[in-house]
């Protein structure tokens, strides 16, 4: 068994992908947390893109979450990708779709004004409508078996646990398969263990610090103003 170290940040959804994959495979590893606002010199030396996660494997370094989870799936059982080459390529495409959805969430919480916020919310709703049309038998993306697509989407859904406390987005309205998938992932022990218990509070503080429509909304709520519908 190689010596594995996952270099992480408390809030990074891409780190969560790797942590979920490691947990699903029952692989022992160490987790090293860094502050991305004050990156240590050793980290900038090791990370070509200056991002987490990094996976150190017997001292060698992998970067980018898609590459990391593929490596883990190829070297540690049980396999979480389909065995069929076409289906495996399809799943990699949907993992990229999950990354695009995370980009959309970032655009949402950074939106400068209500108009931009609503536009980003509409884009998110369209992405989940596409997923609703794609999903077959749930509880998971490919039916009864948990896959790397599920590991990629679990951190996507986790954002909404905090967002929905403050805003009514309607993202999952009329999408019963997506809603069932979301619930199944939330119950998964590997998904629950991918973040610390203080993750929701940390994420809320992160939102509040944004000079954005959402940040101003949260400041208004703290001052006793009504929630955004």
Protein backbone atom coordinates (compact mmCIF):
# COMPACT_ATOMS: atom_id res chain seq x y z
CA UNK A 1 0.00 0.00 0.00
CA UNK A 2 1.56 3.35 -0.97
CA UNK A 3 1.94 6.18 1.51
CA UNK A 4 -0.79 8.69 0.59
CA UNK A 5 -1.15 12.30 1.69
CA UNK A 6 -4.04 14.48 0.50
CA UNK A 7 -3.17 18.18 0.57
CA UNK A 8 -6.45 19.95 1.20
CA UNK A 9 -8.42 23.08 2.05
CA UNK A 10 -11.46 23.10 4.36
CA UNK A 11 -13.95 24.26 1.71
CA UNK A 12 -12.58 22.93 -1.58
CA UNK A 13 -15.16 20.76 -3.40
CA UNK A 14 -12.45 19.15 -5.51
CA UNK A 15 -10.68 17.96 -2.37
CA UNK A 16 -13.99 16.41 -1.32
CA UNK A 17 -14.04 14.34 -4.53
CA UNK A 18 -10.71 12.80 -3.65
CA UNK A 19 -11.64 12.28 0.02
CA UNK A 20 -14.90 10.56 -0.96
CA UNK A 21 -13.08 8.30 -3.41
CA UNK A 22 -10.48 7.33 -0.81
CA UNK A 23 -13.21 6.58 1.74
CA UNK A 24 -15.21 4.48 -0.72
CA UNK A 25 -12.11 2.39 -1.34
CA UNK A 26 -11.21 2.12 2.35
CA UNK A 27 -7.72 3.46 1.70
CA UNK A 28 -5.68 4.87 4.57
CA UNK A 29 -4.23 8.34 4.01
CA UNK A 30 -3.16 11.51 5.78
CA UNK A 31 -4.86 14.83 5.20
CA UNK A 32 -2.85 18.05 5.35
CA UNK A 33 -4.87 21.28 5.42
CA UNK A 34 -3.43 24.53 4.08
CA UNK A 35 -4.66 28.12 3.94
CA UNK A 36 -5.03 29.12 0.29
CA UNK A 37 -4.91 32.78 1.31
CA UNK A 38 -1.39 32.19 2.65
CA UNK A 39 0.01 29.34 0.60
CA UNK A 40 3.12 27.81 2.15
CA UNK A 41 6.25 27.84 0.01
CA UNK A 42 6.43 24.05 -0.15
CA UNK A 43 2.91 23.97 -1.59
CA UNK A 44 3.60 26.47 -4.37
CA UNK A 45 6.69 24.45 -5.26
CA UNK A 46 4.67 21.24 -5.56
CA UNK A 47 1.46 22.54 -7.19
CA UNK A 48 1.86 23.66 -10.84
CA UNK A 49 -1.53 25.43 -10.75
CA UNK A 50 -1.41 26.63 -7.16
CA UNK A 51 -4.57 24.66 -6.37
CA UNK A 52 -5.72 21.84 -4.13
CA UNK A 53 -6.04 18.93 -4.04
CA UNK A 54 -2.62 17.44 -4.34
CA UNK A 55 -2.12 13.72 -3.75
CA UNK A 56 1.35 12.76 -2.60
CA UNK A 57 2.05 9.10 -3.42
CA UNK A 58 5.23 7.83 -1.79
CA UNK A 59 6.57 11.37 -2.14
CA UNK A 60 5.52 11.83 -5.78
CA UNK A 61 2.82 14.39 -6.50
CA UNK A 62 -0.38 14.29 -8.52
CA UNK A 63 -2.47 17.42 -9.11
CA UNK A 64 -5.99 18.03 -10.46
CA UNK A 65 -8.88 16.11 -8.91
CA UNK A 66 -9.93 14.30 -12.11
CA UNK A 67 -6.42 12.86 -12.50
CA UNK A 68 -6.27 11.98 -8.81
CA UNK A 69 -9.54 10.06 -8.70
CA UNK A 70 -8.70 8.27 -11.96
CA UNK A 71 -5.37 7.20 -10.48
CA UNK A 72 -7.06 5.96 -7.33
CA UNK A 73 -9.62 4.03 -9.35
CA UNK A 74 -6.91 2.36 -11.42
CA UNK A 75 -4.77 1.39 -8.43
CA UNK A 76 -7.22 0.76 -5.57
CA UNK A 77 -10.28 -1.48 -5.58
CA UNK A 78 -13.19 -1.63 -5.86
CA UNK A 79 -13.51 0.08 -9.25
CA UNK A 80 -15.88 3.05 -9.27
CA UNK A 81 -15.72 3.64 -13.04
CA UNK A 82 -17.66 1.38 -15.44
CA UNK A 83 -15.68 -1.41 -17.07
CA UNK A 84 -17.03 -0.62 -20.56
CA UNK A 85 -14.72 1.91 -22.31
CA UNK A 86 -17.58 3.95 -23.81
CA UNK A 87 -19.47 4.14 -20.51
CA UNK A 88 -16.23 5.04 -18.73
CA UNK A 89 -15.66 7.90 -21.17
CA UNK A 90 -19.28 9.02 -20.68
CA UNK A 91 -18.74 9.14 -16.93
CA UNK A 92 -15.60 11.25 -17.37
CA UNK A 93 -17.68 13.65 -19.42
CA UNK A 94 -20.24 13.96 -16.63
CA UNK A 95 -17.45 14.57 -14.12
CA UNK A 96 -16.44 17.51 -16.33
CA UNK A 97 -20.11 18.59 -16.24
CA UNK A 98 -19.90 18.54 -12.43
CA UNK A 99 -16.86 20.82 -12.64
CA UNK A 100 -18.79 23.20 -14.91
CA UNK A 101 -21.62 23.19 -12.37
CA UNK A 102 -19.16 24.13 -9.62
CA UNK A 103 -17.97 27.01 -11.82
CA UNK A 104 -21.61 28.10 -12.11
CA UNK A 105 -22.03 27.99 -8.31
CA UNK A 106 -18.91 30.14 -7.96
CA UNK A 107 -20.38 32.63 -10.42
CA UNK A 108 -23.61 32.62 -8.37
CA UNK A 109 -22.04 33.48 -5.03
CA UNK A 110 -19.77 36.06 -6.70
CA UNK A 111 -22.56 37.71 -8.73
CA UNK A 112 -22.33 41.47 -8.30
CA UNK A 113 -26.04 42.28 -8.34
CA UNK A 114 -29.52 40.71 -8.25
CA UNK A 115 -29.79 40.53 -12.04
CA UNK A 116 -26.53 38.62 -12.38
CA UNK A 117 -27.45 36.42 -9.42
CA UNK A 118 -30.79 35.48 -11.00
CA UNK A 119 -29.09 34.75 -14.33
CA UNK A 120 -26.60 32.40 -12.69
CA UNK A 121 -29.44 30.72 -10.75
CA UNK A 122 -31.28 30.13 -14.04
CA UNK A 123 -28.14 28.58 -15.54
CA UNK A 124 -27.88 26.23 -12.56
CA UNK A 125 -31.53 25.25 -12.89
CA UNK A 126 -30.92 24.42 -16.56
CA UNK A 127 -27.96 22.22 -15.68
CA UNK A 128 -30.03 20.23 -13.19
CA UNK A 129 -32.89 19.98 -15.68
CA UNK A 130 -30.39 18.36 -18.06
CA UNK A 131 -29.39 15.95 -15.32
CA UNK A 132 -33.05 15.14 -14.56
CA UNK A 133 -33.51 14.17 -18.21
CA UNK A 134 -30.32 12.05 -18.14
CA UNK A 135 -30.79 10.12 -14.92
CA UNK A 136 -32.33 6.69 -15.13
CA UNK A 137 -32.84 4.49 -12.10
CA UNK A 138 -31.65 6.20 -8.93
CA UNK A 139 -30.43 6.35 -6.11
CA UNK A 140 -27.10 7.04 -7.87
CA UNK A 141 -26.05 8.42 -11.23
CA UNK A 142 -25.72 4.99 -12.81
CA UNK A 143 -28.45 3.30 -10.77
CA UNK A 144 -27.71 1.16 -7.71
CA UNK A 145 -23.91 1.37 -7.92
CA UNK A 146 -21.95 4.35 -6.54
CA UNK A 147 -19.51 5.77 -9.11
CA UNK A 148 -16.94 8.52 -9.50
CA UNK A 149 -19.68 10.71 -11.00
CA UNK A 150 -21.39 10.52 -7.62
CA UNK A 151 -18.14 11.48 -5.90
CA UNK A 152 -17.95 14.52 -8.19
CA UNK A 153 -21.56 15.64 -7.67
CA UNK A 154 -21.79 15.15 -3.89
CA UNK A 155 -19.79 18.37 -3.22
CA UNK A 156 -22.02 20.19 -5.75
CA UNK A 157 -25.16 19.29 -3.81
CA UNK A 158 -23.50 20.14 -0.49
CA UNK A 159 -23.38 23.84 -1.43
CA UNK A 160 -27.16 23.94 -1.50
CA UNK A 161 -27.44 22.77 2.11
CA UNK A 162 -26.06 26.19 3.08
CA UNK A 163 -27.45 28.29 0.21
CA UNK A 164 -31.02 27.12 0.80
CA UNK A 165 -30.92 28.42 4.36
CA UNK A 166 -30.84 31.94 2.95
CA UNK A 167 -32.23 31.99 -0.59
CA UNK A 168 -35.08 30.25 -2.40
CA UNK A 169 -33.48 29.20 -5.66
CA UNK A 170 -36.00 26.60 -6.86
CA UNK A 171 -33.13 24.67 -8.40
CA UNK A 172 -34.58 21.22 -7.73
CA UNK A 173 -38.29 21.96 -8.12
CA UNK A 174 -39.93 19.45 -10.46
CA UNK A 175 -36.82 17.26 -10.56
CA UNK A 176 -37.69 14.18 -8.48
CA UNK A 177 -34.80 12.03 -9.74
CA UNK A 178 -32.21 14.70 -9.01
CA UNK A 179 -33.79 15.28 -5.59
CA UNK A 180 -33.65 11.56 -4.78
CA UNK A 181 -30.03 11.41 -5.96
CA UNK A 182 -29.16 14.37 -3.77
CA UNK A 183 -30.75 12.72 -0.70
CA UNK A 184 -28.97 9.42 -1.33
CA UNK A 185 -25.58 11.14 -1.59
CA UNK A 186 -26.19 13.16 1.57
CA UNK A 187 -26.75 9.90 3.50
CA UNK A 188 -23.56 8.28 2.20
CA UNK A 189 -20.94 7.92 5.01
CA UNK A 190 -18.07 8.77 2.65
CA UNK A 191 -19.82 12.01 1.66
CA UNK A 192 -20.60 12.97 5.25
CA UNK A 193 -16.99 12.35 6.32
CA UNK A 194 -15.46 14.38 3.46
CA UNK A 195 -15.80 17.65 5.42
CA UNK A 196 -15.36 18.67 9.03
CA UNK A 197 -18.34 19.33 11.30
CA UNK A 198 -17.78 23.08 11.05
CA UNK A 199 -18.01 23.10 7.24
CA UNK A 200 -21.45 24.83 7.09
CA UNK A 201 -20.29 27.64 9.39
CA UNK A 202 -17.07 28.05 7.41
CA UNK A 203 -18.99 28.18 4.13
CA UNK A 204 -21.42 30.75 5.49
CA UNK A 205 -18.51 32.94 6.63
CA UNK A 206 -16.96 32.55 3.17
CA UNK A 207 -20.21 33.73 1.55
CA UNK A 208 -20.48 36.66 3.96
CA UNK A 209 -16.98 37.84 3.02
CA UNK A 210 -17.85 38.15 -0.68
CA UNK A 211 -18.36 41.63 -2.07
CA UNK A 212 -21.37 40.26 -3.94
CA UNK A 213 -25.14 40.19 -4.04
CA UNK A 214 -25.16 37.11 -1.81
CA UNK A 215 -22.71 38.66 0.64
CA UNK A 216 -24.89 41.76 0.95
CA UNK A 217 -27.98 39.58 1.32
CA UNK A 218 -26.42 37.73 4.25
CA UNK A 219 -25.39 41.01 5.81
CA UNK A 220 -29.01 42.16 5.50
CA UNK A 221 -30.29 38.98 7.10
CA UNK A 222 -27.93 39.51 10.01
CA UNK A 223 -29.47 42.97 10.36
CA UNK A 224 -32.98 41.48 10.47
CA UNK A 225 -34.05 42.01 6.86
CA UNK A 226 -36.26 39.36 5.15
CA UNK A 227 -34.76 36.49 3.14
CA UNK A 228 -34.63 36.67 -0.66
CA UNK A 229 -37.42 34.73 -2.38
